[in-house]
Amino acid sequence: MARTTVPIDDRQIKQAVKEVLREKFAHDPEWLREVVAEVLEDMAMAKAIRLGRTSMFVSRAEVFRMLDGKE
């Protein structure tokens, strides 16, 4: 089966993405909160890994205390 290429410009891509997001928000408004929470968790994990490479070790209890937000 041969593949064909359909040219599409940036404006069409942006419009398509906007339409998909609009539909997603309409049907699942909680989705954005979940996406933002995942991004924040990933950023925090990346920061913890970077800091862990250059800092001293901490106890398991200290790690869980920080994860629980009791800094």
PDB file of N, CA and C in Angstrom:
ATOM      1  N   MET A   1       0.846  -1.169   0.000  1.00  0.00           N
ATOM      2  CA  MET A   1       0.000   0.000   0.000  1.00  0.00           C
ATOM      3  C   MET A   1       0.897   1.239   0.000  1.00  0.00           C
ATOM      4  N   ALA A   2       0.724   2.111  -0.929  1.00  0.00           N
ATOM      5  CA  ALA A   2       1.538   3.309  -1.053  1.00  0.00           C
ATOM      6  C   ALA A   2       1.026   4.394  -0.120  1.00  0.00           C
ATOM      7  N   ARG A   3       1.957   5.138   0.439  1.00  0.00           N
ATOM      8  CA  ARG A   3       1.590   6.256   1.300  1.00  0.00           C
ATOM      9  C   ARG A   3       1.623   7.540   0.480  1.00  0.00           C
ATOM     10  N   THR A   4       0.697   8.405   0.801  1.00  0.00           N
ATOM     11  CA  THR A   4       0.698   9.708   0.159  1.00  0.00           C
ATOM     12  C   THR A   4       0.912  10.776   1.210  1.00  0.00           C
ATOM     13  N   THR A   5       1.510  11.849   0.810  1.00  0.00           N
ATOM     14  CA  THR A   5       1.773  12.951   1.724  1.00  0.00           C
ATOM     15  C   THR A   5       0.820  14.093   1.408  1.00  0.00           C
ATOM     16  N   VAL A   6       0.182  14.589   2.452  1.00  0.00           N
ATOM     17  CA  VAL A   6      -0.736  15.704   2.294  1.00  0.00           C
ATOM     18  C   VAL A   6      -0.094  16.927   2.935  1.00  0.00           C
ATOM     19  N   PRO A   7       0.133  17.969   2.161  1.00  0.00           N
ATOM     20  CA  PRO A   7       0.744  19.167   2.755  1.00  0.00           C
ATOM     21  C   PRO A   7      -0.222  19.841   3.720  1.00  0.00           C
ATOM     22  N   ILE A   8       0.308  20.281   4.848  1.00  0.00           N
ATOM     23  CA  ILE A   8      -0.502  20.970   5.856  1.00  0.00           C
ATOM     24  C   ILE A   8       0.362  22.081   6.443  1.00  0.00           C
ATOM     25  N   ASP A   9      -0.215  23.245   6.609  1.00  0.00           N
ATOM     26  CA  ASP A   9       0.584  24.349   7.133  1.00  0.00           C
ATOM     27  C   ASP A   9       0.369  24.505   8.640  1.00  0.00           C
ATOM     28  N   ASP A  10       1.185  25.353   9.252  1.00  0.00           N
ATOM     29  CA  ASP A  10       1.132  25.556  10.701  1.00  0.00           C
ATOM     30  C   ASP A  10      -0.244  26.029  11.169  1.00  0.00           C
ATOM     31  N   ARG A  11      -0.876  26.890  10.387  1.00  0.00           N
ATOM     32  CA  ARG A  11      -2.185  27.412  10.760  1.00  0.00           C
ATOM     33  C   ARG A  11      -3.208  26.283  10.863  1.00  0.00           C
ATOM     34  N   GLN A  12      -3.166  25.338   9.932  1.00  0.00           N
ATOM     35  CA  GLN A  12      -4.095  24.210   9.958  1.00  0.00           C
ATOM     36  C   GLN A  12      -3.821  23.303  11.152  1.00  0.00           C
ATOM     37  N   ILE A  13      -2.549  23.105  11.454  1.00  0.00           N
ATOM     38  CA  ILE A  13      -2.185  22.267  12.608  1.00  0.00           C
ATOM     39  C   ILE A  13      -2.679  22.919  13.896  1.00  0.00           C
ATOM     40  N   LYS A  14      -2.428  24.220  14.049  1.00  0.00           N
ATOM     41  CA  LYS A  14      -2.872  24.933  15.256  1.00  0.00           C
ATOM     42  C   LYS A  14      -4.387  24.867  15.402  1.00  0.00           C
ATOM     43  N   GLN A  15      -5.096  25.045  14.305  1.00  0.00           N
ATOM     44  CA  GLN A  15      -6.553  24.995  14.346  1.00  0.00           C
ATOM     45  C   GLN A  15      -7.042  23.606  14.741  1.00  0.00           C
ATOM     46  N   ALA A  16      -6.421  22.569  14.206  1.00  0.00           N
ATOM     47  CA  ALA A  16      -6.808  21.201  14.536  1.00  0.00           C
ATOM     48  C   ALA A  16      -6.560  20.904  16.014  1.00  0.00           C
ATOM     49  N   VAL A  17      -5.420  21.343  16.530  1.00  0.00           N
ATOM     50  CA  VAL A  17      -5.101  21.119  17.944  1.00  0.00           C
ATOM     51  C   VAL A  17      -6.107  21.858  18.825  1.00  0.00           C
ATOM     52  N   LYS A  18      -6.418  23.094  18.490  1.00  0.00           N
ATOM     53  CA  LYS A  18      -7.398  23.861  19.266  1.00  0.00           C
ATOM     54  C   LYS A  18      -8.751  23.148  19.291  1.00  0.00           C
ATOM     55  N   GLU A  19      -9.155  22.627  18.153  1.00  0.00           N
ATOM     56  CA  GLU A  19     -10.447  21.945  18.076  1.00  0.00           C
ATOM     57  C   GLU A  19     -10.461  20.682  18.932  1.00  0.00           C
ATOM     58  N   VAL A  20      -9.387  19.919  18.878  1.00  0.00           N
ATOM     59  CA  VAL A  20      -9.305  18.700  19.684  1.00  0.00           C
ATOM     60  C   VAL A  20      -9.332  19.042  21.170  1.00  0.00           C
ATOM     61  N   LEU A  21      -8.577  20.065  21.574  1.00  0.00           N
ATOM     62  CA  LEU A  21      -8.566  20.456  22.985  1.00  0.00           C
ATOM     63  C   LEU A  21      -9.931  20.968  23.430  1.00  0.00           C
ATOM     64  N   ARG A  22     -10.590  21.755  22.600  1.00  0.00           N
ATOM     65  CA  ARG A  22     -11.925  22.257  22.925  1.00  0.00           C
ATOM     66  C   ARG A  22     -12.893  21.094  23.168  1.00  0.00           C
ATOM     67  N   GLU A  23     -12.850  20.096  22.306  1.00  0.00           N
ATOM     68  CA  GLU A  23     -13.724  18.933  22.468  1.00  0.00           C
ATOM     69  C   GLU A  23     -13.381  18.155  23.738  1.00  0.00           C
ATOM     70  N   LYS A  24     -12.081  18.002  24.001  1.00  0.00           N
ATOM     71  CA  LYS A  24     -11.648  17.261  25.189  1.00  0.00           C
ATOM     72  C   LYS A  24     -12.125  17.963  26.456  1.00  0.00           C
ATOM     73  N   PHE A  25     -11.949  19.287  26.524  1.00  0.00           N
ATOM     74  CA  PHE A  25     -12.393  20.038  27.698  1.00  0.00           C
ATOM     75  C   PHE A  25     -13.904  19.955  27.876  1.00  0.00           C
ATOM     76  N   ALA A  26     -14.629  19.960  26.780  1.00  0.00           N
ATOM     77  CA  ALA A  26     -16.091  19.900  26.856  1.00  0.00           C
ATOM     78  C   ALA A  26     -16.564  18.567  27.420  1.00  0.00           C
ATOM     79  N   HIS A  27     -15.875  17.492  27.074  1.00  0.00           N
ATOM     80  CA  HIS A  27     -16.303  16.166  27.504  1.00  0.00           C
ATOM     81  C   HIS A  27     -15.628  15.682  28.787  1.00  0.00           C
ATOM     82  N   ASP A  28     -14.488  16.284  29.135  1.00  0.00           N
ATOM     83  CA  ASP A  28     -13.745  15.825  30.312  1.00  0.00           C
ATOM     84  C   ASP A  28     -12.980  16.985  30.946  1.00  0.00           C
ATOM     85  N   PRO A  29     -13.682  17.886  31.650  1.00  0.00           N
ATOM     86  CA  PRO A  29     -13.024  19.071  32.213  1.00  0.00           C
ATOM     87  C   PRO A  29     -11.952  18.742  33.255  1.00  0.00           C
ATOM     88  N   GLU A  30     -12.027  17.608  33.872  1.00  0.00           N
ATOM     89  CA  GLU A  30     -11.031  17.192  34.867  1.00  0.00           C
ATOM     90  C   GLU A  30      -9.695  16.847  34.216  1.00  0.00           C
ATOM     91  N   TRP A  31      -9.712  16.594  32.926  1.00  0.00           N
ATOM     92  CA  TRP A  31      -8.516  16.177  32.183  1.00  0.00           C
ATOM     93  C   TRP A  31      -7.376  17.179  32.324  1.00  0.00           C
ATOM     94  N   LEU A  32      -7.650  18.458  32.210  1.00  0.00           N
ATOM     95  CA  LEU A  32      -6.597  19.472  32.303  1.00  0.00           C
ATOM     96  C   LEU A  32      -5.927  19.434  33.670  1.00  0.00           C
ATOM     97  N   ARG A  33      -6.710  19.296  34.725  1.00  0.00           N
ATOM     98  CA  ARG A  33      -6.135  19.219  36.074  1.00  0.00           C
ATOM     99  C   ARG A  33      -5.190  18.031  36.176  1.00  0.00           C
ATOM    100  N   GLU A  34      -5.597  16.903  35.611  1.00  0.00           N
ATOM    101  CA  GLU A  34      -4.766  15.702  35.651  1.00  0.00           C
ATOM    102  C   GLU A  34      -3.478  15.899  34.857  1.00  0.00           C
ATOM    103  N   VAL A  35      -3.569  16.541  33.701  1.00  0.00           N
ATOM    104  CA  VAL A  35      -2.381  16.798  32.889  1.00  0.00           C
ATOM    105  C   VAL A  35      -1.419  17.710  33.627  1.00  0.00           C
ATOM    106  N   VAL A  36      -1.935  18.789  34.210  1.00  0.00           N
ATOM    107  CA  VAL A  36      -1.082  19.726  34.947  1.00  0.00           C
ATOM    108  C   VAL A  36      -0.439  19.036  36.139  1.00  0.00           C
ATOM    109  N   ALA A  37      -1.198  18.216  36.855  1.00  0.00           N
ATOM    110  CA  ALA A  37      -0.646  17.496  38.009  1.00  0.00           C
ATOM    111  C   ALA A  37       0.483  16.566  37.570  1.00  0.00           C
ATOM    112  N   GLU A  38       0.311  15.866  36.470  1.00  0.00           N
ATOM    113  CA  GLU A  38       1.350  14.972  35.960  1.00  0.00           C
ATOM    114  C   GLU A  38       2.612  15.749  35.589  1.00  0.00           C
ATOM    115  N   VAL A  39       2.432  16.884  34.933  1.00  0.00           N
ATOM    116  CA  VAL A  39       3.581  17.704  34.528  1.00  0.00           C
ATOM    117  C   VAL A  39       4.332  18.190  35.764  1.00  0.00           C
ATOM    118  N   LEU A  40       3.602  18.663  36.763  1.00  0.00           N
ATOM    119  CA  LEU A  40       4.249  19.142  37.990  1.00  0.00           C
ATOM    120  C   LEU A  40       4.989  18.013  38.713  1.00  0.00           C
ATOM    121  N   GLU A  41       4.398  16.840  38.750  1.00  0.00           N
ATOM    122  CA  GLU A  41       5.069  15.693  39.371  1.00  0.00           C
ATOM    123  C   GLU A  41       6.346  15.342  38.623  1.00  0.00           C
ATOM    124  N   ASP A  42       6.286  15.342  37.295  1.00  0.00           N
ATOM    125  CA  ASP A  42       7.476  15.040  36.494  1.00  0.00           C
ATOM    126  C   ASP A  42       8.569  16.078  36.719  1.00  0.00           C
ATOM    127  N   MET A  43       8.179  17.356  36.795  1.00  0.00           N
ATOM    128  CA  MET A  43       9.167  18.417  37.035  1.00  0.00           C
ATOM    129  C   MET A  43       9.811  18.257  38.415  1.00  0.00           C
ATOM    130  N   ALA A  44       8.992  17.935  39.410  1.00  0.00           N
ATOM    131  CA  ALA A  44       9.516  17.754  40.766  1.00  0.00           C
ATOM    132  C   ALA A  44      10.461  16.550  40.823  1.00  0.00           C
ATOM    133  N   MET A  45      10.114  15.482  40.133  1.00  0.00           N
ATOM    134  CA  MET A  45      10.966  14.298  40.120  1.00  0.00           C
ATOM    135  C   MET A  45      12.296  14.599  39.438  1.00  0.00           C
ATOM    136  N   ALA A  46      12.244  15.317  38.315  1.00  0.00           N
ATOM    137  CA  ALA A  46      13.476  15.682  37.604  1.00  0.00           C
ATOM    138  C   ALA A  46      14.371  16.543  38.494  1.00  0.00           C
ATOM    139  N   LYS A  47      13.758  17.488  39.207  1.00  0.00           N
ATOM    140  CA  LYS A  47      14.535  18.345  40.113  1.00  0.00           C
ATOM    141  C   LYS A  47      15.148  17.514  41.238  1.00  0.00           C
ATOM    142  N   ALA A  48      14.376  16.595  41.788  1.00  0.00           N
ATOM    143  CA  ALA A  48      14.887  15.740  42.867  1.00  0.00           C
ATOM    144  C   ALA A  48      16.054  14.885  42.378  1.00  0.00           C
ATOM    145  N   ILE A  49      15.963  14.383  41.177  1.00  0.00           N
ATOM    146  CA  ILE A  49      17.056  13.575  40.624  1.00  0.00           C
ATOM    147  C   ILE A  49      18.306  14.423  40.449  1.00  0.00           C
ATOM    148  N   ARG A  50      18.133  15.627  39.891  1.00  0.00           N
ATOM    149  CA  ARG A  50      19.294  16.519  39.713  1.00  0.00           C
ATOM    150  C   ARG A  50      19.933  16.859  41.050  1.00  0.00           C
ATOM    151  N   LEU A  51      19.117  17.203  42.040  1.00  0.00           N
ATOM    152  CA  LEU A  51      19.648  17.540  43.357  1.00  0.00           C
ATOM    153  C   LEU A  51      20.290  16.327  44.022  1.00  0.00           C
ATOM    154  N   GLY A  52      19.696  15.165  43.805  1.00  0.00           N
ATOM    155  CA  GLY A  52      20.214  13.945  44.412  1.00  0.00           C
ATOM    156  C   GLY A  52      21.592  13.560  43.914  1.00  0.00           C
ATOM    157  N   ARG A  53      21.900  13.965  42.724  1.00  0.00           N
ATOM    158  CA  ARG A  53      23.217  13.647  42.169  1.00  0.00           C
ATOM    159  C   ARG A  53      24.340  14.416  42.845  1.00  0.00           C
ATOM    160  N   THR A  54      24.021  15.546  43.442  1.00  0.00           N
ATOM    161  CA  THR A  54      25.068  16.394  44.013  1.00  0.00           C
ATOM    162  C   THR A  54      24.933  16.619  45.513  1.00  0.00           C
ATOM    163  N   SER A  55      23.929  16.044  46.134  1.00  0.00           N
ATOM    164  CA  SER A  55      23.725  16.288  47.561  1.00  0.00           C
ATOM    165  C   SER A  55      23.998  15.033  48.380  1.00  0.00           C
ATOM    166  N   MET A  56      23.943  15.223  49.675  1.00  0.00           N
ATOM    167  CA  MET A  56      24.167  14.107  50.586  1.00  0.00           C
ATOM    168  C   MET A  56      22.903  13.247  50.649  1.00  0.00           C
ATOM    169  N   PHE A  57      23.049  12.042  51.112  1.00  0.00           N
ATOM    170  CA  PHE A  57      21.911  11.149  51.265  1.00  0.00           C
ATOM    171  C   PHE A  57      21.031  11.621  52.419  1.00  0.00           C
ATOM    172  N   VAL A  58      19.731  11.345  52.302  1.00  0.00           N
ATOM    173  CA  VAL A  58      18.785  11.640  53.376  1.00  0.00           C
ATOM    174  C   VAL A  58      18.055  10.353  53.729  1.00  0.00           C
ATOM    175  N   SER A  59      17.437  10.363  54.873  1.00  0.00           N
ATOM    176  CA  SER A  59      16.743   9.163  55.322  1.00  0.00           C
ATOM    177  C   SER A  59      15.438   8.969  54.550  1.00  0.00           C
ATOM    178  N   ARG A  60      14.956   7.756  54.592  1.00  0.00           N
ATOM    179  CA  ARG A  60      13.688   7.426  53.953  1.00  0.00           C
ATOM    180  C   ARG A  60      12.564   8.249  54.568  1.00  0.00           C
ATOM    181  N   ALA A  61      12.588   8.409  55.883  1.00  0.00           N
ATOM    182  CA  ALA A  61      11.557   9.189  56.575  1.00  0.00           C
ATOM    183  C   ALA A  61      11.548  10.636  56.089  1.00  0.00           C
ATOM    184  N   GLU A  62      12.716  11.209  55.860  1.00  0.00           N
ATOM    185  CA  GLU A  62      12.818  12.580  55.378  1.00  0.00           C
ATOM    186  C   GLU A  62      12.205  12.709  53.978  1.00  0.00           C
ATOM    187  N   VAL A  63      12.458  11.740  53.139  1.00  0.00           N
ATOM    188  CA  VAL A  63      11.902  11.756  51.783  1.00  0.00           C
ATOM    189  C   VAL A  63      10.377  11.733  51.847  1.00  0.00           C
ATOM    190  N   PHE A  64       9.819  10.836  52.634  1.00  0.00           N
ATOM    191  CA  PHE A  64       8.364  10.743  52.711  1.00  0.00           C
ATOM    192  C   PHE A  64       7.750  11.962  53.389  1.00  0.00           C
ATOM    193  N   ARG A  65       8.452  12.563  54.327  1.00  0.00           N
ATOM    194  CA  ARG A  65       7.963  13.787  54.962  1.00  0.00           C
ATOM    195  C   ARG A  65       7.858  14.890  53.916  1.00  0.00           C
ATOM    196  N   MET A  66       8.828  15.001  53.038  1.00  0.00           N
ATOM    197  CA  MET A  66       8.803  16.018  51.997  1.00  0.00           C
ATOM    198  C   MET A  66       7.720  15.708  50.961  1.00  0.00           C
ATOM    199  N   LEU A  67       7.555  14.443  50.609  1.00  0.00           N
ATOM    200  CA  LEU A  67       6.523  14.077  49.644  1.00  0.00           C
ATOM    201  C   LEU A  67       5.118  14.362  50.175  1.00  0.00           C
ATOM    202  N   ASP A  68       4.960  14.276  51.486  1.00  0.00           N
ATOM    203  CA  ASP A  68       3.664  14.563  52.098  1.00  0.00           C
ATOM    204  C   ASP A  68       3.422  16.063  52.245  1.00  0.00           C
ATOM    205  N   GLY A  69       4.400  16.884  51.856  1.00  0.00           N
ATOM    206  CA  GLY A  69       4.259  18.324  51.939  1.00  0.00           C
ATOM    207  C   GLY A  69       4.491  18.889  53.320  1.00  0.00           C
ATOM    208  N   LYS A  70       5.223  18.172  54.148  1.00  0.00           N
ATOM    209  CA  LYS A  70       5.497  18.612  55.519  1.00  0.00           C
ATOM    210  C   LYS A  70       6.936  19.077  55.650  1.00  0.00           C
ATOM    211  N   GLU A  71       7.360  19.905  54.704  1.00  0.00           N
ATOM    212  CA  GLU A  71       8.759  20.377  54.709  1.00  0.00           C
ATOM    213  C   GLU A  71       9.052  21.251  55.877  1.00  0.00           C
TER     214      GLU A  71
END
